[in-house]
């Protein structure tokens, strides 16, 4: 079994600045059942549970797919 850890700038910065992501052109989605106040910054730990940035998800998934192909999976 191989475990691959992928770190993004999100991890390096300790979270995500929502306004900065929007300025850079990202679409930001909140779950329909989202009751909490929308925050300006989400830590790495709460990010994927609260907010979704599809382009980030696509990039990470694409990177993982490339790694799997390189390893013959």
Protein backbone atom coordinates (compact mmCIF):
# COMPACT_ATOMS: atom_id res chain seq x y z
CA UNK A 1 0.00 0.00 0.00
CA UNK A 2 1.23 3.46 -0.89
CA UNK A 3 0.14 6.55 1.00
CA UNK A 4 0.51 9.82 -0.87
CA UNK A 5 0.24 13.09 0.98
CA UNK A 6 -0.58 16.12 -1.13
CA UNK A 7 -0.04 19.58 0.25
CA UNK A 8 -1.53 22.61 -1.44
CA UNK A 9 -1.05 26.29 -0.71
CA UNK A 10 -4.18 25.89 1.43
CA UNK A 11 -2.23 23.61 3.75
CA UNK A 12 0.89 25.76 3.70
CA UNK A 13 -1.08 28.90 4.62
CA UNK A 14 -3.07 27.13 7.33
CA UNK A 15 -6.41 27.70 5.62
CA UNK A 16 -8.16 29.61 2.89
CA UNK A 17 -8.98 33.30 2.59
CA UNK A 18 -12.37 33.25 0.84
CA UNK A 19 -12.17 36.78 -0.56
CA UNK A 20 -8.68 36.15 -1.95
CA UNK A 21 -9.95 33.02 -3.69
CA UNK A 22 -12.80 34.97 -5.27
CA UNK A 23 -10.40 37.70 -6.43
CA UNK A 24 -8.37 34.97 -8.13
CA UNK A 25 -11.52 33.82 -9.94
CA UNK A 26 -12.52 30.80 -7.86
CA UNK A 27 -16.14 29.79 -7.45
CA UNK A 28 -16.89 29.12 -3.79
CA UNK A 29 -19.78 26.84 -2.82
CA UNK A 30 -21.43 26.40 0.55
CA UNK A 31 -23.69 23.41 1.34
CA UNK A 32 -27.43 24.09 1.09
CA UNK A 33 -27.87 23.30 4.77
CA UNK A 34 -25.15 25.80 5.73
CA UNK A 35 -26.48 27.65 8.78
CA UNK A 36 -23.32 29.27 10.07
CA UNK A 37 -22.18 32.78 9.35
CA UNK A 38 -19.92 32.85 6.29
CA UNK A 39 -16.38 33.52 7.47
CA UNK A 40 -13.58 35.35 5.69
CA UNK A 41 -11.02 32.65 6.56
CA UNK A 42 -11.41 28.90 7.06
CA UNK A 43 -8.66 26.81 8.64
CA UNK A 44 -7.43 23.70 6.88
CA UNK A 45 -9.32 21.51 9.35
CA UNK A 46 -12.71 23.10 8.75
CA UNK A 47 -12.34 23.96 5.08
CA UNK A 48 -13.57 20.86 3.23
CA UNK A 49 -16.32 20.28 5.79
CA UNK A 50 -17.71 23.79 5.31
CA UNK A 51 -16.75 25.12 1.88
CA UNK A 52 -15.95 23.70 -1.54
CA UNK A 53 -13.78 25.17 -4.29
CA UNK A 54 -14.35 22.86 -7.29
CA UNK A 55 -11.20 23.92 -9.16
CA UNK A 56 -9.06 22.96 -6.17
CA UNK A 57 -10.81 19.60 -5.92
CA UNK A 58 -10.25 19.00 -9.67
CA UNK A 59 -6.55 19.83 -9.43
CA UNK A 60 -5.95 17.55 -6.45
CA UNK A 61 -7.95 14.71 -8.06
CA UNK A 62 -6.06 15.15 -11.33
CA UNK A 63 -2.73 15.03 -9.52
CA UNK A 64 -3.75 11.85 -7.69
CA UNK A 65 -4.89 10.26 -10.97
CA UNK A 66 -1.51 11.05 -12.55
CA UNK A 67 0.32 9.51 -9.59
CA UNK A 68 -1.81 6.36 -9.82
CA UNK A 69 -1.11 6.02 -13.55
CA UNK A 70 2.63 6.46 -12.95
CA UNK A 71 2.55 3.71 -10.32
CA UNK A 72 0.64 1.39 -12.67
CA UNK A 73 -2.71 1.46 -10.86
